């Protein structure tokens, strides 16, 4: 079920909050498998509050909080947290909303000349409210890292996932907004009550923040890039690995 050491009995019993990446962690080749979606429902029905924390756009996050069994969604690498409120979705931005939107437009103008003919903005850029996303699928790591370095030279933050370079201007990331959300919920025991699962380099801050951390099997190529590796790694990749992790959490709760 897990590569190497599996969680010991009782290690996961206190996990009440699960933060999760989406691309290639919940999704498998871009799709949400039925068994993965069922695992989300099983976790929620067992009392575990799920918070996707993603580089995904505001438009993507609105669908998630309205249609999935989640407590909230952190989007655009920590730019905002979104919650469902009746038939509407509500934003809480990291910083002043108008300021974040203005910085996004300024940053986008600076990024475009760097893309050349090889790179393109992510298809959902028009649905974003704070960051700039660049599609990296099909590009080798050397050219992705070279572009990321050129963007960092502008003084911007950069996070690299399995599908995008996400870049923004601001002092937040996935971990910073996750910590803010947990503080607002009154969660003091992060080590004992919070889990995280991810797959890529942009999940590094979360692996360092959350002790009960999981990587799905497809994380293997970037393990050496992480300042702290996930504590456990599933045997299966992507959404099927998420199902394995969910089963371990459910078993620990007797669900």
Protein backbone atom coordinates (compact mmCIF):
# COMPACT_ATOMS: atom_id res chain seq x y z
CA UNK A 1 0.00 0.00 0.00
CA UNK A 2 2.93 2.34 0.75
CA UNK A 3 6.50 2.39 -0.46
CA UNK A 4 8.84 1.57 2.38
CA UNK A 5 7.51 2.45 5.81
CA UNK A 6 3.74 2.71 6.21
CA UNK A 7 2.01 4.80 8.88
CA UNK A 8 1.98 2.98 12.21
CA UNK A 9 -1.36 2.26 13.90
CA UNK A 10 -2.53 5.37 15.67
CA UNK A 11 -0.27 7.83 13.82
CA UNK A 12 -3.14 9.10 11.70
CA UNK A 13 -6.02 8.81 14.15
CA UNK A 14 -5.93 12.48 15.10
CA UNK A 15 -5.94 13.91 11.57
CA UNK A 16 -9.00 16.16 11.32
CA UNK A 17 -7.81 18.40 8.45
CA UNK A 18 -6.40 17.26 5.11
CA UNK A 19 -4.73 19.76 2.78
CA UNK A 20 -4.20 18.39 -0.71
CA UNK A 21 -2.64 19.41 -3.99
CA UNK A 22 -4.81 18.83 -7.07
CA UNK A 23 -2.89 18.39 -10.36
CA UNK A 24 -1.40 14.88 -10.53
CA UNK A 25 -2.26 14.32 -6.86
CA UNK A 26 -6.05 14.21 -7.01
CA UNK A 27 -6.22 14.13 -10.80
CA UNK A 28 -4.87 11.36 -13.02
CA UNK A 29 -3.75 12.53 -16.47
CA UNK A 30 -5.92 15.59 -15.98
CA UNK A 31 -9.08 13.72 -14.95
CA UNK A 32 -10.70 13.12 -11.57
CA UNK A 33 -11.25 9.36 -11.37
CA UNK A 34 -14.52 8.16 -9.83
CA UNK A 35 -12.73 6.30 -7.03
CA UNK A 36 -10.76 9.43 -6.17
CA UNK A 37 -13.90 11.54 -6.02
CA UNK A 38 -15.52 8.87 -3.83
CA UNK A 39 -12.49 8.97 -1.53
CA UNK A 40 -13.06 12.71 -1.05
CA UNK A 41 -16.66 12.04 -0.03
CA UNK A 42 -15.64 9.19 2.27
CA UNK A 43 -13.12 11.43 4.05
CA UNK A 44 -15.61 14.27 4.42
CA UNK A 45 -18.31 11.95 5.74
CA UNK A 46 -15.81 10.60 8.29
CA UNK A 47 -15.38 14.13 9.64
CA UNK A 48 -12.12 15.10 7.97
CA UNK A 49 -12.18 18.67 6.66
CA UNK A 50 -10.55 18.81 3.23
CA UNK A 51 -8.81 21.91 1.88
CA UNK A 52 -7.34 21.72 -1.65
CA UNK A 53 -4.28 23.98 -1.82
CA UNK A 54 -3.37 24.54 -5.43
CA UNK A 55 -1.82 26.76 -8.04
CA UNK A 56 -5.15 26.48 -9.84
CA UNK A 57 -7.15 29.53 -10.85
CA UNK A 58 -9.98 31.31 -9.06
CA UNK A 59 -12.38 29.94 -11.68
CA UNK A 60 -11.26 26.39 -10.99
CA UNK A 61 -11.52 26.96 -7.21
CA UNK A 62 -15.07 28.26 -7.47
CA UNK A 63 -16.17 25.02 -9.08
CA UNK A 64 -14.35 23.03 -6.39
CA UNK A 65 -15.88 24.73 -3.36
CA UNK A 66 -19.37 24.58 -4.87
CA UNK A 67 -19.28 21.00 -6.19
CA UNK A 68 -16.78 19.03 -4.12
CA UNK A 69 -17.05 17.99 -0.44
CA UNK A 70 -14.42 20.46 0.76
CA UNK A 71 -14.31 23.00 3.57
CA UNK A 72 -12.45 25.59 1.47
CA UNK A 73 -9.93 25.89 -1.35
CA UNK A 74 -6.67 27.82 -1.37
CA UNK A 75 -5.92 28.98 -4.91
CA UNK A 76 -3.25 30.56 -7.06
CA UNK A 77 -0.49 29.35 -4.72
CA UNK A 78 -1.92 31.09 -1.65
CA UNK A 79 -3.30 34.30 -3.15
CA UNK A 80 -6.72 33.65 -1.64
CA UNK A 81 -8.88 31.18 0.24
CA UNK A 82 -12.36 30.56 -1.15
CA UNK A 83 -15.39 29.11 0.59
CA UNK A 84 -18.91 28.28 -0.52
CA UNK A 85 -21.62 30.42 1.06
CA UNK A 86 -25.05 29.29 -0.05
CA UNK A 87 -25.07 29.52 -3.83
CA UNK A 88 -22.09 31.86 -3.93
CA UNK A 89 -18.37 31.59 -3.41
CA UNK A 90 -16.63 34.08 -1.13
CA UNK A 91 -12.99 35.23 -1.36
CA UNK A 92 -10.56 36.11 1.36
CA UNK A 93 -7.45 37.53 -0.29
CA UNK A 94 -3.98 37.34 1.23
CA UNK A 95 -3.58 41.07 0.68
CA UNK A 96 -5.83 43.88 -0.48
CA UNK A 97 -7.79 42.55 -3.47
CA UNK A 98 -7.33 45.62 -5.66
CA UNK A 99 -3.61 45.67 -4.93
CA UNK A 100 -3.24 42.00 -5.82
CA UNK A 101 -5.10 42.46 -9.09
CA UNK A 102 -3.00 45.49 -10.00
CA UNK A 103 0.23 43.64 -9.28
CA UNK A 104 -0.98 40.75 -11.41
CA UNK A 105 -1.48 42.98 -14.45
CA UNK A 106 1.91 44.60 -13.99
CA UNK A 107 3.58 41.22 -13.62
CA UNK A 108 1.80 39.80 -16.64
CA UNK A 109 3.11 42.66 -18.78
CA UNK A 110 6.65 41.91 -17.56
CA UNK A 111 6.32 38.15 -18.15
CA UNK A 112 5.01 38.15 -21.73
CA UNK A 113 8.29 39.24 -23.37
CA UNK A 114 10.10 36.34 -21.64
CA UNK A 115 7.94 33.61 -23.13
CA UNK A 116 9.16 33.77 -26.70
CA UNK A 117 7.82 31.16 -29.11
CA UNK A 118 8.37 28.16 -26.82
CA UNK A 119 6.10 28.96 -23.89
CA UNK A 120 2.48 30.03 -23.57
CA UNK A 121 0.23 31.24 -20.80
CA UNK A 122 -1.95 28.61 -19.18
CA UNK A 123 -5.35 28.20 -20.81
CA UNK A 124 -7.06 29.43 -17.63
CA UNK A 125 -5.05 32.64 -17.27
CA UNK A 126 -8.20 34.70 -17.91
CA UNK A 127 -9.77 33.05 -14.84
CA UNK A 128 -6.94 34.11 -12.55
CA UNK A 129 -7.13 37.05 -10.16
CA UNK A 130 -3.60 37.33 -8.71
CA UNK A 131 -0.94 35.23 -10.42
CA UNK A 132 0.42 34.36 -13.85
CA UNK A 133 0.53 30.73 -14.96
CA UNK A 134 2.67 29.36 -17.78
CA UNK A 135 2.04 25.95 -19.34
CA UNK A 136 5.10 23.67 -19.06
CA UNK A 137 3.64 20.34 -20.20
CA UNK A 138 5.93 18.85 -22.85
CA UNK A 139 8.92 21.06 -21.97
CA UNK A 140 12.09 19.57 -20.55
CA UNK A 141 13.23 20.56 -17.10
CA UNK A 142 16.26 22.51 -18.28
CA UNK A 143 14.24 25.04 -20.27
CA UNK A 144 11.56 25.26 -17.56
CA UNK A 145 14.17 26.06 -14.92
CA UNK A 146 15.86 28.58 -17.19
CA UNK A 147 12.57 30.45 -17.68
CA UNK A 148 11.89 30.28 -13.94
CA UNK A 149 15.28 31.86 -13.26
CA UNK A 150 14.55 34.70 -15.68
CA UNK A 151 11.27 35.35 -13.88
CA UNK A 152 12.92 35.30 -10.44
CA UNK A 153 15.38 37.89 -11.74
CA UNK A 154 12.40 40.25 -11.98
CA UNK A 155 11.99 39.95 -8.21
CA UNK A 156 8.92 37.72 -8.44
CA UNK A 157 7.96 34.58 -6.58
CA UNK A 158 7.98 31.36 -8.60
CA UNK A 159 6.53 27.91 -7.91
CA UNK A 160 6.82 24.99 -10.33
CA UNK A 161 4.20 22.26 -10.43
CA UNK A 162 3.83 19.28 -12.73
CA UNK A 163 1.86 21.41 -15.21
CA UNK A 164 2.67 25.10 -14.66
CA UNK A 165 5.13 27.72 -13.65
CA UNK A 166 3.09 29.88 -11.28
CA UNK A 167 4.50 33.30 -10.57
CA UNK A 168 3.31 36.32 -8.61
CA UNK A 169 4.32 39.37 -6.65
CA UNK A 170 3.60 39.05 -2.93
CA UNK A 171 4.89 37.53 0.29
CA UNK A 172 2.69 34.42 0.34
CA UNK A 173 2.82 30.82 -0.79
CA UNK A 174 0.83 27.64 -0.19
CA UNK A 175 2.22 27.20 3.32
CA UNK A 176 1.67 30.80 4.44
CA UNK A 177 -2.01 30.81 3.47
CA UNK A 178 -2.53 27.33 4.92
CA UNK A 179 -1.11 28.53 8.24
CA UNK A 180 -3.43 31.55 8.15
CA UNK A 181 -6.45 29.32 7.49
CA UNK A 182 -5.54 26.98 10.34
CA UNK A 183 -5.05 29.92 12.70
CA UNK A 184 -8.48 31.27 11.78
CA UNK A 185 -9.94 27.83 12.55
CA UNK A 186 -8.24 27.83 15.94
CA UNK A 187 -6.04 24.84 15.12
CA UNK A 188 -3.03 24.87 17.44
CA UNK A 189 -1.77 21.30 17.02
CA UNK A 190 -0.72 21.26 13.37
CA UNK A 191 1.62 18.32 13.91
CA UNK A 192 -1.09 16.13 15.36
CA UNK A 193 -4.25 17.09 13.49
CA UNK A 194 -3.24 18.14 9.95
CA UNK A 195 -2.26 15.99 6.98
CA UNK A 196 -1.02 16.96 3.52
CA UNK A 197 -0.62 15.11 0.22
CA UNK A 198 1.17 16.38 -2.89
CA UNK A 199 3.38 15.48 -5.83
CA UNK A 200 5.56 18.34 -7.07
CA UNK A 201 8.15 20.98 -6.38
CA UNK A 202 5.62 23.66 -5.52
CA UNK A 203 4.45 21.46 -2.64
CA UNK A 204 7.82 21.81 -0.93
CA UNK A 205 6.65 24.47 1.58
CA UNK A 206 3.75 22.22 2.62
CA UNK A 207 5.95 19.16 3.14
CA UNK A 208 8.11 21.29 5.43
CA UNK A 209 5.06 22.61 7.29
CA UNK A 210 2.99 19.46 7.84
CA UNK A 211 4.49 16.52 9.72
CA UNK A 212 1.91 13.95 8.60
CA UNK A 213 2.70 14.35 4.93
CA UNK A 214 2.21 12.03 1.97
CA UNK A 215 3.57 11.98 -1.54
CA UNK A 216 1.84 10.06 -4.31
CA UNK A 217 4.16 7.73 -6.22
CA UNK A 218 4.77 10.08 -9.14
CA UNK A 219 6.66 12.39 -6.79
CA UNK A 220 9.75 10.20 -7.17
CA UNK A 221 11.59 12.29 -9.84
CA UNK A 222 11.61 15.48 -7.72
CA UNK A 223 12.22 14.08 -4.21
CA UNK A 224 15.78 15.38 -4.16
CA UNK A 225 14.51 18.91 -4.93
CA UNK A 226 12.49 19.08 -1.73
CA UNK A 227 13.93 20.63 1.43
CA UNK A 228 11.91 18.05 3.36
CA UNK A 229 10.56 14.87 1.81
CA UNK A 230 7.06 13.56 2.50
CA UNK A 231 6.92 11.19 5.43
CA UNK A 232 5.09 8.47 3.49
CA UNK A 233 4.85 7.69 -0.23
CA UNK A 234 2.01 5.71 -1.76
CA UNK A 235 2.56 2.72 -4.01
CA UNK A 236 0.24 4.08 -6.71
CA UNK A 237 0.54 7.39 -8.56
CA UNK A 238 -1.74 10.42 -8.74
CA UNK A 239 -5.43 9.90 -7.95
CA UNK A 240 -5.00 6.21 -7.16
CA UNK A 241 -2.28 7.12 -4.68
CA UNK A 242 -4.71 9.58 -3.11
CA UNK A 243 -7.18 6.71 -2.69
CA UNK A 244 -4.49 4.68 -0.85
CA UNK A 245 -3.76 7.60 1.45
CA UNK A 246 -7.46 8.17 2.09
CA UNK A 247 -7.92 4.51 3.02
CA UNK A 248 -5.13 4.82 5.59
CA UNK A 249 -6.79 7.89 7.13
CA UNK A 250 -10.17 6.18 7.19
CA UNK A 251 -8.77 2.98 8.71
CA UNK A 252 -7.11 5.03 11.44
CA UNK A 253 -10.52 6.49 12.33
CA UNK A 254 -12.27 3.13 12.14
CA UNK A 255 -14.38 4.40 9.24
